[in-house]
Amino acid sequence: MVGQIGSGYILVDEPLAAWIVDQHVAHERALLDRLTDPEDERMPAVQSLLVPEVVELAPQDAAIAADSLEELSVYGFEAEPFGKASFRITGVISTLAERGDVAGAFRDAISVIKGTAPGMSREERILATIACHSAVKLGDKLSQVEMEALIRDWLTSRYPATCPHGRSICYRLDHKDIARKLDRH
């Protein structure tokens, strides 16, 4: 573990190569594994928000949300109608409460519920949305301990090669290629 580059990438060195790891997508992958593995003792619990978040939706999305409150509660969203097209969110899973975009995750979960995208199941897409909104962001400065924990969690995930949306998580640079670029043949 060397450190952070540009407040968004983690540099990891090993004997034959250096790895540049996108901190957001690596964290997203590790979180999704945690959310989808019922045996994981680190499964996040629902946490009440100190200050409830009010989310305003388009009328058609509000109708879908109102019909889906029970399903949304399965994913940790404690929400209730709060006016004509608004919802008051009083609790979410702890990873989202700690650093996440609660309103964005709620809106995206509604989009998943109303959408018919191929590929992942509805449950997988909602959990991927929650993981994405819970993960560290590009620009977040991390301590050495946070970086080490993030890399450890990512490397022990079931699918460390790509994020839930299919993006690459890291880029490998062979030491010999670095030497060649710097004219050290």
N, C-alpha and C. Protein backbone atom coordinates (compact mmCIF):
# COMPACT_ATOMS: atom_id res chain seq x y z
N MET A 1 0.85 -1.16 0.00
CA MET A 1 0.00 0.00 0.00
C MET A 1 0.91 1.23 0.00
N VAL A 2 0.91 1.96 -1.10
CA VAL A 2 1.78 3.13 -1.21
C VAL A 2 1.06 4.40 -0.78
N GLY A 3 -0.13 4.60 -1.29
CA GLY A 3 -0.88 5.80 -0.92
C GLY A 3 -1.95 6.13 -1.93
N GLN A 4 -2.44 7.35 -1.83
CA GLN A 4 -3.54 7.80 -2.66
C GLN A 4 -3.05 8.77 -3.73
N ILE A 5 -3.61 8.66 -4.91
CA ILE A 5 -3.26 9.54 -6.02
C ILE A 5 -4.51 10.34 -6.39
N GLY A 6 -4.39 11.65 -6.45
CA GLY A 6 -5.50 12.47 -6.91
C GLY A 6 -6.79 12.32 -6.13
N SER A 7 -6.72 11.97 -4.88
CA SER A 7 -7.90 11.80 -4.03
C SER A 7 -8.96 10.93 -4.69
N GLY A 8 -8.52 9.89 -5.38
CA GLY A 8 -9.49 9.03 -6.02
C GLY A 8 -8.96 7.66 -6.39
N TYR A 9 -7.64 7.53 -6.36
CA TYR A 9 -7.03 6.27 -6.76
C TYR A 9 -6.02 5.85 -5.71
N ILE A 10 -5.94 4.56 -5.48
CA ILE A 10 -5.03 4.01 -4.49
C ILE A 10 -3.92 3.28 -5.23
N LEU A 11 -2.68 3.59 -4.88
CA LEU A 11 -1.53 2.94 -5.50
C LEU A 11 -1.06 1.80 -4.61
N VAL A 12 -1.02 0.62 -5.19
CA VAL A 12 -0.57 -0.58 -4.48
C VAL A 12 0.62 -1.13 -5.24
N ASP A 13 1.70 -1.44 -4.52
CA ASP A 13 2.90 -1.97 -5.17
C ASP A 13 3.10 -3.41 -4.73
N GLU A 14 3.50 -4.22 -5.67
CA GLU A 14 3.85 -5.62 -5.38
C GLU A 14 5.18 -5.89 -6.06
N PRO A 15 5.77 -7.07 -5.86
CA PRO A 15 7.12 -7.31 -6.40
C PRO A 15 7.29 -7.09 -7.91
N LEU A 16 6.30 -7.39 -8.74
CA LEU A 16 6.48 -7.29 -10.19
C LEU A 16 5.66 -6.18 -10.85
N ALA A 17 4.78 -5.55 -10.10
CA ALA A 17 3.90 -4.56 -10.73
C ALA A 17 3.35 -3.57 -9.71
N ALA A 18 2.84 -2.49 -10.24
CA ALA A 18 2.10 -1.51 -9.44
C ALA A 18 0.66 -1.54 -9.92
N TRP A 19 -0.26 -1.36 -9.01
CA TRP A 19 -1.69 -1.36 -9.33
C TRP A 19 -2.26 0.00 -8.99
N ILE A 20 -3.05 0.55 -9.89
CA ILE A 20 -3.80 1.77 -9.62
C ILE A 20 -5.26 1.34 -9.47
N VAL A 21 -5.81 1.57 -8.29
CA VAL A 21 -7.15 1.07 -7.96
C VAL A 21 -8.10 2.25 -7.82
N ASP A 22 -9.21 2.20 -8.53
CA ASP A 22 -10.26 3.22 -8.40
C ASP A 22 -10.96 2.97 -7.07
N GLN A 23 -10.81 3.89 -6.13
CA GLN A 23 -11.32 3.66 -4.78
C GLN A 23 -12.84 3.54 -4.74
N HIS A 24 -13.54 4.27 -5.60
CA HIS A 24 -15.00 4.21 -5.57
C HIS A 24 -15.50 2.84 -6.02
N VAL A 25 -15.03 2.37 -7.18
CA VAL A 25 -15.57 1.11 -7.69
C VAL A 25 -15.07 -0.09 -6.88
N ALA A 26 -13.88 -0.02 -6.32
CA ALA A 26 -13.40 -1.10 -5.45
C ALA A 26 -14.26 -1.18 -4.20
N HIS A 27 -14.58 -0.02 -3.62
CA HIS A 27 -15.42 0.01 -2.43
C HIS A 27 -16.84 -0.45 -2.77
N GLU A 28 -17.33 -0.02 -3.92
CA GLU A 28 -18.67 -0.42 -4.38
C GLU A 28 -18.75 -1.95 -4.49
N ARG A 29 -17.74 -2.57 -5.08
CA ARG A 29 -17.71 -4.03 -5.23
C ARG A 29 -17.70 -4.71 -3.87
N ALA A 30 -16.86 -4.22 -2.94
CA ALA A 30 -16.78 -4.83 -1.61
C ALA A 30 -18.10 -4.68 -0.87
N LEU A 31 -18.73 -3.51 -0.98
CA LEU A 31 -20.02 -3.30 -0.31
C LEU A 31 -21.11 -4.19 -0.89
N LEU A 32 -21.13 -4.34 -2.21
CA LEU A 32 -22.15 -5.19 -2.82
C LEU A 32 -22.00 -6.63 -2.34
N ASP A 33 -20.77 -7.10 -2.22
CA ASP A 33 -20.56 -8.45 -1.70
C ASP A 33 -21.12 -8.57 -0.29
N ARG A 34 -20.89 -7.57 0.52
CA ARG A 34 -21.39 -7.58 1.88
C ARG A 34 -22.92 -7.59 1.90
N LEU A 35 -23.54 -6.82 1.01
CA LEU A 35 -25.00 -6.72 0.97
C LEU A 35 -25.66 -7.99 0.44
N THR A 36 -24.94 -8.75 -0.37
CA THR A 36 -25.54 -9.94 -0.99
C THR A 36 -25.14 -11.24 -0.32
N ASP A 37 -24.34 -11.18 0.72
CA ASP A 37 -23.91 -12.40 1.41
C ASP A 37 -24.52 -12.43 2.81
N PRO A 38 -25.62 -13.18 2.98
CA PRO A 38 -26.28 -13.22 4.29
C PRO A 38 -25.42 -13.82 5.39
N GLU A 39 -24.36 -14.52 5.02
CA GLU A 39 -23.46 -15.13 6.00
C GLU A 39 -22.39 -14.14 6.49
N ASP A 40 -22.27 -13.01 5.81
CA ASP A 40 -21.25 -12.01 6.17
C ASP A 40 -21.67 -11.34 7.48
N GLU A 41 -20.81 -11.47 8.48
CA GLU A 41 -21.12 -10.89 9.80
C GLU A 41 -21.08 -9.36 9.77
N ARG A 42 -20.58 -8.79 8.69
CA ARG A 42 -20.51 -7.33 8.58
C ARG A 42 -21.74 -6.77 7.84
N MET A 43 -22.78 -7.57 7.67
CA MET A 43 -23.99 -7.14 6.98
C MET A 43 -24.51 -5.88 7.67
N PRO A 44 -24.67 -4.80 6.92
CA PRO A 44 -25.12 -3.55 7.53
C PRO A 44 -26.54 -3.66 8.10
N ALA A 45 -26.76 -2.98 9.20
CA ALA A 45 -28.08 -2.93 9.82
C ALA A 45 -28.76 -1.63 9.43
N VAL A 46 -30.07 -1.58 9.62
CA VAL A 46 -30.79 -0.33 9.35
C VAL A 46 -30.49 0.63 10.49
N GLN A 47 -30.20 1.85 10.12
CA GLN A 47 -29.85 2.90 11.09
C GLN A 47 -30.82 4.06 10.91
N SER A 48 -31.35 4.54 12.01
CA SER A 48 -32.22 5.71 11.97
C SER A 48 -31.39 6.94 11.64
N LEU A 49 -31.95 7.81 10.82
CA LEU A 49 -31.26 9.06 10.48
C LEU A 49 -31.52 10.08 11.57
N LEU A 50 -30.47 10.80 11.99
CA LEU A 50 -30.63 11.85 12.97
C LEU A 50 -31.61 12.90 12.47
N VAL A 51 -31.46 13.27 11.22
CA VAL A 51 -32.37 14.22 10.58
C VAL A 51 -32.97 13.51 9.38
N PRO A 52 -34.28 13.25 9.41
CA PRO A 52 -34.90 12.58 8.26
C PRO A 52 -34.66 13.37 6.98
N GLU A 53 -34.59 12.65 5.88
CA GLU A 53 -34.36 13.28 4.59
C GLU A 53 -35.68 13.25 3.80
N VAL A 54 -36.06 14.41 3.28
CA VAL A 54 -37.28 14.50 2.48
C VAL A 54 -36.90 14.51 1.01
N VAL A 55 -37.52 13.61 0.25
CA VAL A 55 -37.23 13.46 -1.17
C VAL A 55 -38.49 13.79 -1.96
N GLU A 56 -38.35 14.72 -2.87
CA GLU A 56 -39.43 15.12 -3.77
C GLU A 56 -39.28 14.31 -5.06
N LEU A 57 -40.37 13.68 -5.50
CA LEU A 57 -40.34 12.86 -6.71
C LEU A 57 -41.33 13.39 -7.73
N ALA A 58 -41.11 13.02 -8.98
CA ALA A 58 -42.10 13.31 -10.02
C ALA A 58 -43.37 12.54 -9.66
N PRO A 59 -44.55 13.04 -10.04
CA PRO A 59 -45.81 12.38 -9.64
C PRO A 59 -45.87 10.89 -9.98
N GLN A 60 -45.43 10.49 -11.18
CA GLN A 60 -45.49 9.07 -11.53
C GLN A 60 -44.52 8.25 -10.69
N ASP A 61 -43.35 8.81 -10.34
CA ASP A 61 -42.40 8.12 -9.47
C ASP A 61 -42.94 8.04 -8.04
N ALA A 62 -43.64 9.07 -7.61
CA ALA A 62 -44.23 9.07 -6.27
C ALA A 62 -45.26 7.96 -6.14
N ALA A 63 -46.03 7.74 -7.19
CA ALA A 63 -47.03 6.67 -7.17
C ALA A 63 -46.35 5.31 -7.06
N ILE A 64 -45.27 5.13 -7.81
CA ILE A 64 -44.52 3.86 -7.75
C ILE A 64 -43.91 3.69 -6.36
N ALA A 65 -43.34 4.76 -5.82
CA ALA A 65 -42.74 4.69 -4.48
C ALA A 65 -43.79 4.32 -3.44
N ALA A 66 -44.96 4.95 -3.52
CA ALA A 66 -46.02 4.67 -2.55
C ALA A 66 -46.44 3.20 -2.60
N ASP A 67 -46.49 2.63 -3.81
CA ASP A 67 -46.86 1.22 -3.96
C ASP A 67 -45.72 0.28 -3.59
N SER A 68 -44.51 0.81 -3.45
CA SER A 68 -43.32 -0.03 -3.24
C SER A 68 -42.68 0.13 -1.87
N LEU A 69 -43.34 0.81 -0.95
CA LEU A 69 -42.72 1.07 0.36
C LEU A 69 -42.34 -0.22 1.09
N GLU A 70 -43.15 -1.25 0.96
CA GLU A 70 -42.84 -2.52 1.62
C GLU A 70 -41.58 -3.15 1.01
N GLU A 71 -41.50 -3.15 -0.32
CA GLU A 71 -40.31 -3.69 -0.99
C GLU A 71 -39.08 -2.86 -0.63
N LEU A 72 -39.21 -1.54 -0.62
CA LEU A 72 -38.08 -0.67 -0.29
C LEU A 72 -37.59 -0.92 1.13
N SER A 73 -38.50 -1.27 2.04
CA SER A 73 -38.10 -1.53 3.42
C SER A 73 -37.21 -2.77 3.52
N VAL A 74 -37.38 -3.72 2.59
CA VAL A 74 -36.53 -4.91 2.55
C VAL A 74 -35.07 -4.50 2.33
N TYR A 75 -34.87 -3.41 1.59
CA TYR A 75 -33.52 -2.92 1.28
C TYR A 75 -33.06 -1.85 2.28
N GLY A 76 -33.80 -1.68 3.36
CA GLY A 76 -33.37 -0.79 4.43
C GLY A 76 -33.93 0.61 4.38
N PHE A 77 -34.75 0.94 3.40
CA PHE A 77 -35.33 2.28 3.33
C PHE A 77 -36.56 2.34 4.23
N GLU A 78 -36.44 3.07 5.33
CA GLU A 78 -37.60 3.35 6.16
C GLU A 78 -38.14 4.68 5.68
N ALA A 79 -39.25 4.62 4.94
CA ALA A 79 -39.78 5.83 4.30
C ALA A 79 -41.29 5.85 4.44
N GLU A 80 -41.83 7.06 4.38
CA GLU A 80 -43.28 7.24 4.46
C GLU A 80 -43.68 8.43 3.61
N PRO A 81 -44.91 8.42 3.09
CA PRO A 81 -45.37 9.58 2.32
C PRO A 81 -45.30 10.83 3.18
N PHE A 82 -44.96 11.93 2.53
CA PHE A 82 -44.78 13.20 3.25
C PHE A 82 -45.25 14.32 2.32
N GLY A 83 -46.53 14.36 2.07
CA GLY A 83 -47.08 15.32 1.12
C GLY A 83 -47.46 14.63 -0.16
N LYS A 84 -47.78 15.42 -1.16
CA LYS A 84 -48.32 14.91 -2.42
C LYS A 84 -47.35 14.00 -3.17
N ALA A 85 -46.12 14.43 -3.39
CA ALA A 85 -45.15 13.64 -4.15
C ALA A 85 -43.81 13.56 -3.41
N SER A 86 -43.85 13.67 -2.10
CA SER A 86 -42.62 13.63 -1.29
C SER A 86 -42.65 12.44 -0.34
N PHE A 87 -41.46 12.03 0.04
CA PHE A 87 -41.31 10.94 1.01
C PHE A 87 -40.29 11.35 2.04
N ARG A 88 -40.58 10.99 3.28
CA ARG A 88 -39.65 11.27 4.38
C ARG A 88 -38.95 9.96 4.69
N ILE A 89 -37.63 9.99 4.56
CA ILE A 89 -36.82 8.81 4.84
C ILE A 89 -36.25 8.96 6.24
N THR A 90 -36.58 8.01 7.10
CA THR A 90 -36.16 8.09 8.50
C THR A 90 -35.06 7.10 8.85
N GLY A 91 -34.81 6.14 7.97
CA GLY A 91 -33.76 5.16 8.23
C GLY A 91 -33.29 4.51 6.94
N VAL A 92 -32.03 4.12 6.93
CA VAL A 92 -31.42 3.42 5.80
C VAL A 92 -30.36 2.48 6.36
N ILE A 93 -29.80 1.63 5.50
CA ILE A 93 -28.74 0.76 6.00
C ILE A 93 -27.55 1.62 6.42
N SER A 94 -26.78 1.12 7.35
CA SER A 94 -25.72 1.92 7.98
C SER A 94 -24.68 2.43 6.99
N THR A 95 -24.33 1.66 5.97
CA THR A 95 -23.31 2.13 5.02
C THR A 95 -23.80 3.37 4.29
N LEU A 96 -25.08 3.42 4.00
CA LEU A 96 -25.66 4.58 3.30
C LEU A 96 -25.79 5.75 4.26
N ALA A 97 -26.14 5.48 5.50
CA ALA A 97 -26.28 6.56 6.49
C ALA A 97 -24.94 7.22 6.79
N GLU A 98 -23.86 6.45 6.76
CA GLU A 98 -22.54 6.96 7.14
C GLU A 98 -21.97 7.95 6.13
N ARG A 99 -22.08 7.66 4.86
CA ARG A 99 -21.42 8.51 3.88
C ARG A 99 -22.18 8.62 2.58
N GLY A 100 -23.36 8.09 2.55
CA GLY A 100 -24.05 7.98 1.28
C GLY A 100 -24.99 9.12 0.93
N ASP A 101 -25.43 9.05 -0.28
CA ASP A 101 -26.40 9.97 -0.85
C ASP A 101 -27.76 9.31 -0.71
N VAL A 102 -28.42 9.56 0.42
CA VAL A 102 -29.69 8.89 0.73
C VAL A 102 -30.75 9.21 -0.32
N ALA A 103 -30.92 10.48 -0.63
CA ALA A 103 -31.95 10.87 -1.60
C ALA A 103 -31.65 10.27 -2.98
N GLY A 104 -30.40 10.31 -3.40
CA GLY A 104 -30.03 9.75 -4.69
C GLY A 104 -30.27 8.25 -4.75
N ALA A 105 -29.93 7.55 -3.67
CA ALA A 105 -30.14 6.10 -3.62
C ALA A 105 -31.62 5.77 -3.67
N PHE A 106 -32.44 6.56 -2.97
CA PHE A 106 -33.89 6.34 -2.97
C PHE A 106 -34.45 6.55 -4.38
N ARG A 107 -34.06 7.66 -5.02
CA ARG A 107 -34.53 7.94 -6.39
C ARG A 107 -34.10 6.83 -7.36
N ASP A 108 -32.84 6.40 -7.24
CA ASP A 108 -32.35 5.35 -8.14
C ASP A 108 -33.05 4.02 -7.89
N ALA A 109 -33.37 3.72 -6.63
CA ALA A 109 -34.10 2.49 -6.32
C ALA A 109 -35.49 2.53 -6.96
N ILE A 110 -36.13 3.69 -6.93
CA ILE A 110 -37.43 3.84 -7.59
C ILE A 110 -37.27 3.64 -9.10
N SER A 111 -36.21 4.18 -9.68
CA SER A 111 -35.95 4.00 -11.11
C SER A 111 -35.77 2.53 -11.45
N VAL A 112 -35.09 1.80 -10.59
CA VAL A 112 -34.90 0.36 -10.82
C VAL A 112 -36.25 -0.35 -10.77
N ILE A 113 -37.07 0.00 -9.79
CA ILE A 113 -38.37 -0.64 -9.63
C ILE A 113 -39.25 -0.40 -10.86
N LYS A 114 -39.20 0.80 -11.42
CA LYS A 114 -40.06 1.08 -12.58
C LYS A 114 -39.43 0.64 -13.89
N GLY A 115 -38.12 0.37 -13.90
CA GLY A 115 -37.42 0.01 -15.13
C GLY A 115 -37.51 -1.46 -15.46
N THR A 116 -37.13 -1.77 -16.68
CA THR A 116 -37.14 -3.16 -17.13
C THR A 116 -35.81 -3.49 -17.82
N ALA A 117 -34.73 -3.00 -17.26
CA ALA A 117 -33.42 -3.22 -17.88
C ALA A 117 -33.04 -4.70 -17.85
N PRO A 118 -32.41 -5.18 -18.93
CA PRO A 118 -31.97 -6.58 -18.96
C PRO A 118 -30.73 -6.76 -18.10
N GLY A 119 -30.35 -7.99 -17.88
CA GLY A 119 -29.12 -8.27 -17.14
C GLY A 119 -29.41 -8.67 -15.71
N MET A 120 -28.96 -7.86 -14.79
CA MET A 120 -29.12 -8.18 -13.37
C MET A 120 -30.59 -8.22 -12.98
N SER A 121 -30.87 -8.97 -11.93
CA SER A 121 -32.23 -9.00 -11.40
C SER A 121 -32.54 -7.67 -10.73
N ARG A 122 -33.80 -7.44 -10.47
CA ARG A 122 -34.22 -6.21 -9.81
C ARG A 122 -33.53 -6.06 -8.46
N GLU A 123 -33.49 -7.14 -7.70
CA GLU A 123 -32.83 -7.11 -6.39
C GLU A 123 -31.36 -6.73 -6.53
N GLU A 124 -30.67 -7.37 -7.48
CA GLU A 124 -29.25 -7.07 -7.69
C GLU A 124 -29.04 -5.61 -8.08
N ARG A 125 -29.93 -5.07 -8.91
CA ARG A 125 -29.79 -3.68 -9.35
C ARG A 125 -30.04 -2.71 -8.19
N ILE A 126 -31.01 -3.02 -7.34
CA ILE A 126 -31.27 -2.15 -6.19
C ILE A 126 -30.08 -2.20 -5.23
N LEU A 127 -29.56 -3.39 -4.97
CA LEU A 127 -28.41 -3.52 -4.07
C LEU A 127 -27.17 -2.85 -4.66
N ALA A 128 -26.99 -2.95 -5.97
CA ALA A 128 -25.86 -2.27 -6.63
C ALA A 128 -26.01 -0.76 -6.49
N THR A 129 -27.22 -0.26 -6.60
CA THR A 129 -27.49 1.18 -6.43
C THR A 129 -27.14 1.62 -5.01
N ILE A 130 -27.54 0.83 -4.04
CA ILE A 130 -27.24 1.16 -2.64
C ILE A 130 -25.73 1.13 -2.41
N ALA A 131 -25.06 0.12 -2.95
CA ALA A 131 -23.60 0.03 -2.80
C ALA A 131 -22.92 1.23 -3.43
N CYS A 132 -23.38 1.62 -4.61
CA CYS A 132 -22.78 2.76 -5.31
C CYS A 132 -22.93 4.04 -4.49
N HIS A 133 -24.12 4.28 -3.98
CA HIS A 133 -24.36 5.50 -3.22
C HIS A 133 -23.72 5.46 -1.83
N SER A 134 -23.35 4.27 -1.35
CA SER A 134 -22.70 4.13 -0.05
C SER A 134 -21.18 4.22 -0.12
N ALA A 135 -20.63 3.99 -1.30
CA ALA A 135 -19.17 3.89 -1.46
C ALA A 135 -18.49 5.25 -1.37
N VAL A 136 -17.20 5.21 -1.01
CA VAL A 136 -16.40 6.43 -1.03
C VAL A 136 -16.44 6.99 -2.44
N LYS A 137 -16.24 8.26 -2.56
CA LYS A 137 -16.34 8.92 -3.86
C LYS A 137 -14.96 9.35 -4.35
N LEU A 138 -14.88 9.62 -5.63
CA LEU A 138 -13.70 10.24 -6.20
C LEU A 138 -13.57 11.59 -5.52
N GLY A 139 -12.42 11.88 -4.99
CA GLY A 139 -12.21 13.14 -4.28
C GLY A 139 -12.19 12.98 -2.76
N ASP A 140 -12.65 11.83 -2.26
CA ASP A 140 -12.60 11.59 -0.81
C ASP A 140 -11.17 11.24 -0.41
N LYS A 141 -10.63 11.98 0.53
CA LYS A 141 -9.30 11.66 1.05
C LYS A 141 -9.45 10.55 2.09
N LEU A 142 -8.61 9.54 1.96
CA LEU A 142 -8.67 8.40 2.86
C LEU A 142 -7.38 8.29 3.65
N SER A 143 -7.50 7.84 4.89
CA SER A 143 -6.31 7.59 5.71
C SER A 143 -5.68 6.28 5.24
N GLN A 144 -4.45 6.04 5.69
CA GLN A 144 -3.76 4.80 5.36
C GLN A 144 -4.57 3.59 5.82
N VAL A 145 -5.11 3.67 7.01
CA VAL A 145 -5.92 2.56 7.56
C VAL A 145 -7.16 2.34 6.70
N GLU A 146 -7.84 3.41 6.29
CA GLU A 146 -9.03 3.28 5.44
C GLU A 146 -8.68 2.66 4.09
N MET A 147 -7.55 3.09 3.51
CA MET A 147 -7.13 2.52 2.22
C MET A 147 -6.82 1.04 2.35
N GLU A 148 -6.10 0.67 3.40
CA GLU A 148 -5.75 -0.73 3.60
C GLU A 148 -7.00 -1.59 3.78
N ALA A 149 -7.97 -1.10 4.56
CA ALA A 149 -9.21 -1.85 4.77
C ALA A 149 -10.00 -1.98 3.46
N LEU A 150 -10.05 -0.90 2.70
CA LEU A 150 -10.78 -0.92 1.43
C LEU A 150 -10.15 -1.93 0.48
N ILE A 151 -8.83 -1.91 0.35
CA ILE A 151 -8.13 -2.84 -0.55
C ILE A 151 -8.32 -4.28 -0.07
N ARG A 152 -8.22 -4.52 1.21
CA ARG A 152 -8.42 -5.87 1.76
C ARG A 152 -9.84 -6.37 1.47
N ASP A 153 -10.85 -5.51 1.71
CA ASP A 153 -12.24 -5.91 1.45
C ASP A 153 -12.47 -6.17 -0.03
N TRP A 154 -11.90 -5.32 -0.88
CA TRP A 154 -12.06 -5.50 -2.32
C TRP A 154 -11.40 -6.79 -2.79
N LEU A 155 -10.16 -7.05 -2.36
CA LEU A 155 -9.44 -8.23 -2.81
C LEU A 155 -10.08 -9.53 -2.35
N THR A 156 -10.82 -9.49 -1.26
CA THR A 156 -11.49 -10.70 -0.77
C THR A 156 -12.93 -10.80 -1.26
N SER A 157 -13.35 -9.88 -2.13
CA SER A 157 -14.71 -9.96 -2.68
C SER A 157 -14.78 -11.10 -3.70
N ARG A 158 -16.00 -11.50 -4.02
CA ARG A 158 -16.19 -12.63 -4.94
C ARG A 158 -15.81 -12.30 -6.38
N TYR A 159 -16.00 -11.05 -6.80
CA TYR A 159 -15.73 -10.65 -8.19
C TYR A 159 -14.87 -9.39 -8.22
N PRO A 160 -13.59 -9.50 -7.87
CA PRO A 160 -12.76 -8.29 -7.74
C PRO A 160 -12.36 -7.62 -9.06
N ALA A 161 -12.68 -8.21 -10.20
CA ALA A 161 -12.22 -7.64 -11.47
C ALA A 161 -13.05 -6.43 -11.93
N THR A 162 -14.36 -6.45 -11.64
CA THR A 162 -15.22 -5.36 -12.13
C THR A 162 -16.20 -4.91 -11.06
N CYS A 163 -16.66 -3.68 -11.23
CA CYS A 163 -17.70 -3.16 -10.34
C CYS A 163 -19.04 -3.76 -10.75
N PRO A 164 -20.10 -3.57 -9.97
CA PRO A 164 -21.40 -4.14 -10.31
C PRO A 164 -21.93 -3.69 -11.68
N HIS A 165 -21.44 -2.56 -12.17
CA HIS A 165 -21.90 -2.05 -13.47
C HIS A 165 -20.99 -2.48 -14.61
N GLY A 166 -19.95 -3.27 -14.31
CA GLY A 166 -19.07 -3.80 -15.34
C GLY A 166 -17.81 -2.99 -15.61
N ARG A 167 -17.59 -1.90 -14.87
CA ARG A 167 -16.38 -1.09 -15.08
C ARG A 167 -15.17 -1.75 -14.43
N SER A 168 -14.00 -1.52 -15.02
CA SER A 168 -12.76 -2.02 -14.44
C SER A 168 -12.49 -1.33 -13.11
N ILE A 169 -11.88 -2.06 -12.20
CA ILE A 169 -11.58 -1.51 -10.88
C ILE A 169 -10.14 -1.04 -10.79
N CYS A 170 -9.25 -1.69 -11.53
CA CYS A 170 -7.84 -1.36 -11.38
C CYS A 170 -7.10 -1.44 -12.72
N TYR A 171 -5.91 -0.89 -12.68
CA TYR A 171 -5.03 -0.91 -13.84
C TYR A 171 -3.66 -1.37 -13.37
N ARG A 172 -3.09 -2.36 -14.05
CA ARG A 172 -1.81 -2.94 -13.64
C ARG A 172 -0.70 -2.40 -14.53
N LEU A 173 0.39 -1.98 -13.89
CA LEU A 173 1.59 -1.53 -14.59
C LEU A 173 2.76 -2.42 -14.18
N ASP A 174 3.27 -3.19 -15.12
CA ASP A 174 4.44 -4.01 -14.82
C ASP A 174 5.62 -3.10 -14.54
N HIS A 175 6.44 -3.47 -13.57
CA HIS A 175 7.64 -2.69 -13.26
C HIS A 175 8.54 -2.59 -14.49
N LYS A 176 8.63 -3.67 -15.26
CA LYS A 176 9.49 -3.64 -16.46
C LYS A 176 8.96 -2.63 -17.48
N ASP A 177 7.65 -2.44 -17.58
CA ASP A 177 7.09 -1.44 -18.50
C ASP A 177 7.36 -0.03 -18.01
N ILE A 178 7.32 0.14 -16.71
CA ILE A 178 7.66 1.46 -16.13
C ILE A 178 9.11 1.76 -16.44
N ALA A 179 9.99 0.77 -16.22
CA ALA A 179 11.42 0.97 -16.50
C ALA A 179 11.65 1.29 -17.97
N ARG A 180 10.95 0.61 -18.85
CA ARG A 180 11.10 0.85 -20.29
C ARG A 180 10.64 2.27 -20.63
N LYS A 181 9.55 2.73 -20.06
CA LYS A 181 9.06 4.10 -20.31
C LYS A 181 10.07 5.14 -19.84
N LEU A 182 10.86 4.80 -18.84
CA LEU A 182 11.84 5.74 -18.30
C LEU A 182 13.26 5.42 -18.80
N ASP A 183 13.33 4.74 -19.93
CA ASP A 183 14.60 4.39 -20.57
C ASP A 183 15.56 3.63 -19.66
N ARG A 184 15.07 2.70 -18.89
CA ARG A 184 15.90 1.85 -18.03
C ARG A 184 15.76 0.42 -18.53
N HIS A 185 16.34 0.13 -19.65
CA HIS A 185 16.19 -1.18 -20.27
C HIS A 185 17.01 -2.18 -19.56
